[in-house]
C-alpha atoms as a PDB file:
ATOM      1  CA  MET A   1      17.793   5.269 -22.185  1.00  0.00           C
ATOM      2  CA  LEU A   2      15.836   7.263 -19.571  1.00  0.00           C
ATOM      3  CA  TRP A   3      16.761   4.976 -16.626  1.00  0.00           C
ATOM      4  CA  PRO A   4      20.147   6.672 -15.923  1.00  0.00           C
ATOM      5  CA  ILE A   5      18.425  10.064 -15.801  1.00  0.00           C
ATOM      6  CA  LEU A   6      15.630   8.751 -13.569  1.00  0.00           C
ATOM      7  CA  ILE A   7      18.093   7.077 -11.192  1.00  0.00           C
ATOM      8  CA  ALA A   8      20.220  10.239 -10.988  1.00  0.00           C
ATOM      9  CA  LEU A   9      17.112  12.295 -10.239  1.00  0.00           C
ATOM     10  CA  LEU A  10      15.947   9.893  -7.552  1.00  0.00           C
ATOM     11  CA  THR A  11      19.299   9.728  -5.811  1.00  0.00           C
ATOM     12  CA  SER A  12      19.478  13.525  -5.710  1.00  0.00           C
ATOM     13  CA  LEU A  13      16.146  13.742  -3.909  1.00  0.00           C
ATOM     14  CA  SER A  14      16.106  12.979  -0.205  1.00  0.00           C
ATOM     15  CA  ALA A  15      12.535  13.652   0.852  1.00  0.00           C
ATOM     16  CA  CYS A  16      10.156  10.745   0.419  1.00  0.00           C
ATOM     17  CA  GLY A  17       6.742  10.171   1.928  1.00  0.00           C
ATOM     18  CA  ALA A  18       3.209  11.462   1.699  1.00  0.00           C
ATOM     19  CA  SER A  19       2.684  14.649  -0.194  1.00  0.00           C
ATOM     20  CA  ASP A  20      -0.243  16.558  -1.579  1.00  0.00           C
ATOM     21  CA  ASP A  21       1.718  17.817  -4.539  1.00  0.00           C
ATOM     22  CA  GLY A  22       4.897  17.142  -6.411  1.00  0.00           C
ATOM     23  CA  PRO A  23       5.850  14.227  -8.608  1.00  0.00           C
ATOM     24  CA  ASN A  24       5.478  10.610  -7.721  1.00  0.00           C
ATOM     25  CA  LEU A  25       8.916   9.065  -7.223  1.00  0.00           C
ATOM     26  CA  VAL A  26       9.389   5.385  -7.789  1.00  0.00           C
ATOM     27  CA  ALA A  27      12.772   3.722  -7.941  1.00  0.00           C
ATOM     28  CA  PRO A  28      13.155  -0.004  -8.396  1.00  0.00           C
ATOM     29  CA  THR A  29      14.386  -2.017  -5.463  1.00  0.00           C
ATOM     30  CA  PRO A  30      16.953  -4.572  -6.633  1.00  0.00           C
ATOM     31  CA  GLY A  31      14.772  -7.570  -7.373  1.00  0.00           C
ATOM     32  CA  GLY A  32      12.639  -6.918  -4.304  1.00  0.00           C
ATOM     33  CA  THR A  33      15.439  -8.078  -2.027  1.00  0.00           C
ATOM     34  CA  LEU A  34      14.943  -5.613   0.828  1.00  0.00           C
ATOM     35  CA  ARG A  35      13.585  -7.347   3.939  1.00  0.00           C
ATOM     36  CA  PRO A  36      10.160  -6.038   4.998  1.00  0.00           C
ATOM     37  CA  PRO A  37      10.303  -4.609   8.538  1.00  0.00           C
ATOM     38  CA  CYS A  38       6.481  -4.681   8.917  1.00  0.00           C
ATOM     39  CA  ASP A  39       3.977  -7.552   8.735  1.00  0.00           C
ATOM     40  CA  PRO A  40       1.059  -7.316   6.264  1.00  0.00           C
ATOM     41  CA  SER A  41      -0.183 -10.553   7.864  1.00  0.00           C
ATOM     42  CA  PHE A  42      -2.043 -11.938   4.876  1.00  0.00           C
ATOM     43  CA  GLY A  43      -4.107  -8.764   4.429  1.00  0.00           C
ATOM     44  CA  PHE A  44      -4.736  -7.685   8.009  1.00  0.00           C
ATOM     45  CA  PRO A  45      -1.563  -5.945   9.305  1.00  0.00           C
ATOM     46  CA  GLU A  46      -0.146  -6.987  12.665  1.00  0.00           C
ATOM     47  CA  PRO A  47       2.430  -5.231  14.867  1.00  0.00           C
ATOM     48  CA  ALA A  48       5.923  -6.621  14.290  1.00  0.00           C
ATOM     49  CA  PRO A  49       9.216  -6.238  16.183  1.00  0.00           C
ATOM     50  CA  GLY A  50      11.383  -3.698  14.374  1.00  0.00           C
ATOM     51  CA  CYS A  51       8.465  -2.070  12.545  1.00  0.00           C
ATOM     52  CA  PRO A  52       8.364   1.650  13.412  1.00  0.00           C
ATOM     53  CA  ASP A  53       4.569   1.920  12.927  1.00  0.00           C
ATOM     54  CA  ASP A  54       2.017  -0.227  14.803  1.00  0.00           C
ATOM     55  CA  SER A  55      -0.926   1.385  12.980  1.00  0.00           C
ATOM     56  CA  PRO A  56      -0.371   1.511   9.226  1.00  0.00           C
ATOM     57  CA  GLU A  57      -2.684   3.491   7.000  1.00  0.00           C
ATOM     58  CA  THR A  58      -4.762   1.188   4.829  1.00  0.00           C
ATOM     59  CA  GLY A  59      -6.369   2.226   1.583  1.00  0.00           C
ATOM     60  CA  TRP A  60      -6.873   1.767  -2.128  1.00  0.00           C
ATOM     61  CA  LEU A  61      -3.840   2.814  -4.143  1.00  0.00           C
ATOM     62  CA  THR A  62      -4.421   4.057  -7.686  1.00  0.00           C
ATOM     63  CA  ARG A  63      -2.175   5.609 -10.289  1.00  0.00           C
ATOM     64  CA  ARG A  64      -3.563   8.617 -12.129  1.00  0.00           C
ATOM     65  CA  PRO A  65      -3.159   8.118 -15.876  1.00  0.00           C
ATOM     66  CA  SER A  66      -2.984  11.864 -16.510  1.00  0.00           C
ATOM     67  CA  ASN A  67       0.145  12.526 -14.444  1.00  0.00           C
ATOM     68  CA  GLY A  68       1.322   9.149 -13.066  1.00  0.00           C
ATOM     69  CA  ARG A  69       0.869  10.186  -9.435  1.00  0.00           C
ATOM     70  CA  LEU A  70      -0.122   7.605  -6.850  1.00  0.00           C
ATOM     71  CA  VAL A  71      -3.258   8.408  -4.870  1.00  0.00           C
ATOM     72  CA  LEU A  72      -4.176   6.649  -1.621  1.00  0.00           C
ATOM     73  CA  GLU A  73      -7.830   6.643  -0.568  1.00  0.00           C
ATOM     74  CA  SER A  74      -7.973   5.501   3.059  1.00  0.00           C
ATOM     75  CA  PHE A  75     -10.206   2.725   4.392  1.00  0.00           C
ATOM     76  CA  ARG A  76     -10.558   0.775   7.606  1.00  0.00           C
ATOM     77  CA  SER A  77     -11.313  -2.920   7.591  1.00  0.00           C
ATOM     78  CA  LEU A  78     -14.326  -4.094   9.551  1.00  0.00           C
ATOM     79  CA  SER A  79     -14.985  -7.704  10.548  1.00  0.00           C
ATOM     80  CA  ASN A  80     -18.106  -9.743  11.112  1.00  0.00           C
ATOM     81  CA  ASP A  81     -18.330  -8.565  14.711  1.00  0.00           C
ATOM     82  CA  ALA A  82     -20.519  -6.114  16.667  1.00  0.00           C
ATOM     83  CA  GLU A  83     -18.690  -3.049  15.256  1.00  0.00           C
ATOM     84  CA  GLY A  84     -19.030  -4.375  11.702  1.00  0.00           C
ATOM     85  CA  GLU A  85     -22.702  -5.177  12.219  1.00  0.00           C
ATOM     86  CA  ALA A  86     -23.422  -1.675  13.563  1.00  0.00           C
ATOM     87  CA  TYR A  87     -21.614  -0.107  10.580  1.00  0.00           C
ATOM     88  CA  ALA A  88     -23.527  -2.309   8.120  1.00  0.00           C
ATOM     89  CA  GLU A  89     -26.838  -1.359   9.737  1.00  0.00           C
ATOM     90  CA  ARG A  90     -26.037   2.398   9.643  1.00  0.00           C
ATOM     91  CA  HIS A  91     -24.997   2.209   5.972  1.00  0.00           C
ATOM     92  CA  GLY A  92     -27.587  -0.237   4.628  1.00  0.00           C
ATOM     93  CA  LEU A  93     -25.044  -2.981   3.882  1.00  0.00           C
ATOM     94  CA  ASP A  94     -25.603  -6.729   3.904  1.00  0.00           C
ATOM     95  CA  PHE A  95     -24.289  -8.448   7.019  1.00  0.00           C
ATOM     96  CA  PRO A  96     -22.388 -10.681   7.622  1.00  0.00           C
ATOM     97  CA  PHE A  97     -19.866  -9.282   5.161  1.00  0.00           C
ATOM     98  CA  PRO A  98     -18.766 -11.414   2.201  1.00  0.00           C
ATOM     99  CA  ASN A  99     -15.260 -12.812   2.822  1.00  0.00           C
ATOM    100  CA  ASP A 100     -15.728 -11.901   6.542  1.00  0.00           C
ATOM    101  CA  TYR A 101     -14.585  -8.256   6.135  1.00  0.00           C
ATOM    102  CA  TYR A 102     -15.615  -4.917   4.643  1.00  0.00           C
ATOM    103  CA  ASP A 103     -13.211  -2.103   3.735  1.00  0.00           C
ATOM    104  CA  ALA A 104     -15.061   1.031   4.859  1.00  0.00           C
ATOM    105  CA  PRO A 105     -13.986   4.216   3.038  1.00  0.00           C
ATOM    106  CA  GLN A 106     -12.644   6.993   5.289  1.00  0.00           C
ATOM    107  CA  ARG A 107     -13.082   9.833   2.787  1.00  0.00           C
ATOM    108  CA  SER A 108      -9.430  10.754   3.062  1.00  0.00           C
ATOM    109  CA  ARG A 109      -7.382  10.935  -0.131  1.00  0.00           C
ATOM    110  CA  HIS A 110      -3.808  12.087  -0.702  1.00  0.00           C
ATOM    111  CA  THR A 111      -0.897  11.462  -3.018  1.00  0.00           C
ATOM    112  CA  LEU A 112       1.832   9.052  -2.032  1.00  0.00           C
ATOM    113  CA  ALA A 113       5.442   9.348  -3.138  1.00  0.00           C
ATOM    114  CA  LEU A 114       7.716   6.301  -3.160  1.00  0.00           C
ATOM    115  CA  GLY A 115      11.490   6.520  -3.060  1.00  0.00           C
ATOM    116  CA  PRO A 116      14.381   4.096  -3.445  1.00  0.00           C
ATOM    117  CA  ASP A 117      14.571   3.045   0.227  1.00  0.00           C
ATOM    118  CA  ILE A 118      10.953   1.931   0.546  1.00  0.00           C
ATOM    119  CA  VAL A 119      10.208  -1.767   0.892  1.00  0.00           C
ATOM    120  CA  CYS A 120       7.244  -3.087  -1.113  1.00  0.00           C
ATOM    121  CA  THR A 121       5.532  -6.458  -0.753  1.00  0.00           C
ATOM    122  CA  GLY A 122       3.038  -8.319  -2.882  1.00  0.00           C
ATOM    123  CA  ILE A 123       0.805 -11.347  -2.489  1.00  0.00           C
ATOM    124  CA  ILE A 124      -1.903 -11.734  -5.194  1.00  0.00           C
ATOM    125  CA  ARG A 125      -1.963  -9.083  -7.920  1.00  0.00           C
ATOM    126  CA  VAL A 126       1.685  -8.120  -7.409  1.00  0.00           C
ATOM    127  CA  ASP A 127       4.035 -11.000  -8.275  1.00  0.00           C
ATOM    128  CA  TYR A 128       1.695 -13.884  -7.370  1.00  0.00           C
ATOM    129  CA  ARG A 129       3.550 -17.057  -6.430  1.00  0.00           C
ATOM    130  CA  GLU A 130       3.009 -20.357  -4.669  1.00  0.00           C
ATOM    131  CA  PRO A 131       2.913 -20.880  -1.769  1.00  0.00           C
ATOM    132  CA  LEU A 132       0.723 -17.830  -1.233  1.00  0.00           C
ATOM    133  CA  ASN A 133       2.694 -15.573   1.129  1.00  0.00           C
ATOM    134  CA  ASP A 134       3.494 -11.881   1.511  1.00  0.00           C
ATOM    135  CA  HIS A 135       6.914 -11.343  -0.088  1.00  0.00           C
ATOM    136  CA  PRO A 136       9.232  -8.498  -1.146  1.00  0.00           C
ATOM    137  CA  VAL A 137       8.657  -7.151  -4.665  1.00  0.00           C
ATOM    138  CA  ASP A 138      10.047  -4.413  -6.840  1.00  0.00           C
ATOM    139  CA  CYS A 139       8.007  -1.271  -6.057  1.00  0.00           C
ATOM    140  CA  THR A 140       7.548  -0.609  -9.781  1.00  0.00           C
ATOM    141  CA  GLU A 141       5.452  -3.822  -9.937  1.00  0.00           C
ATOM    142  CA  LEU A 142       3.211  -2.529  -7.149  1.00  0.00           C
ATOM    143  CA  VAL A 143       2.810   0.813  -8.957  1.00  0.00           C
ATOM    144  CA  ALA A 144       1.994  -0.982 -12.227  1.00  0.00           C
ATOM    145  CA  ALA A 145      -0.740  -3.024 -10.506  1.00  0.00           C
ATOM    146  CA  ALA A 146      -2.233   0.171  -9.038  1.00  0.00           C
ATOM    147  CA  GLY A 147      -2.383   1.572 -12.574  1.00  0.00           C
ATOM    148  CA  HIS A 148      -4.817  -1.124 -13.720  1.00  0.00           C
ATOM    149  CA  ARG A 149      -7.381  -0.895 -10.891  1.00  0.00           C
ATOM    150  CA  PRO A 150      -7.352   0.155  -7.211  1.00  0.00           C
ATOM    151  CA  LEU A 151      -4.969  -1.951  -5.114  1.00  0.00           C
ATOM    152  CA  ALA A 152      -5.621  -2.529  -1.400  1.00  0.00           C
ATOM    153  CA  VAL A 153      -2.438  -1.627   0.498  1.00  0.00           C
ATOM    154  CA  ALA A 154      -1.021  -0.858   3.932  1.00  0.00           C
ATOM    155  CA  VAL A 155       1.429   2.040   4.295  1.00  0.00           C
ATOM    156  CA  TRP A 156       3.840   2.112   7.237  1.00  0.00           C
ATOM    157  CA  ARG A 157       5.723   5.257   8.196  1.00  0.00           C
ATOM    158  CA  ASP A 158       8.626   6.249  10.391  1.00  0.00           C
ATOM    159  CA  GLY A 159       7.600   9.795  11.240  1.00  0.00           C
ATOM    160  CA  PRO A 160       6.800  11.492   7.930  1.00  0.00           C
ATOM    161  CA  SER A 161       8.753   8.964   5.822  1.00  0.00           C
ATOM    162  CA  VAL A 162       7.134   5.944   4.211  1.00  0.00           C
ATOM    163  CA  VAL A 163       9.125   2.784   5.037  1.00  0.00           C
ATOM    164  CA  GLN A 164       6.929   0.041   3.556  1.00  0.00           C
ATOM    165  CA  VAL A 165       3.960  -0.342   1.195  1.00  0.00           C
ATOM    166  CA  SER A 166       2.318  -3.764   1.080  1.00  0.00           C
ATOM    167  CA  GLU A 167      -0.412  -5.157  -1.110  1.00  0.00           C
ATOM    168  CA  LEU A 168      -3.147  -6.516   1.149  1.00  0.00           C
ATOM    169  CA  TYR A 169      -4.681  -9.894   0.385  1.00  0.00           C
ATOM    170  CA  ARG A 170      -8.192  -9.356  -0.878  1.00  0.00           C
ATOM    171  CA  PRO A 171      -9.818 -12.402  -2.525  1.00  0.00           C
END
């Protein structure tokens, strides 16, 4: 009953992207059929032809139960290399890292608004399927997963506009 109102509201709004205030906008993509322009590369994003952003923001996406807003807390992924070892030593962490990586918090947090033209992909917690590959999903599924516990994601932008949000593979 509320879907027609929600869809009308979403189509009347043209600004989508990161915001520190305002409502969180999420419109379903038709069965997750939009083709992802950017490559989440099995959890460690890679540049891709046609992707407008070679350096996506990575972070933990959560959904606030009080107001439904999406919050992105940034991280950077470190590997079992010299940089990772130096970070582990400075922060008293075990090294080498379990699973060969560590997502180091960046202490940057902001809300994230999703609109109807954003492409979302999932891999594990969002629409798991065999064979295990990044694949398009309905953005409402990604938001639902972020409502249960923090979801590791990459966010690609074209200027101020978000173009793709992808769940990152984290075993």
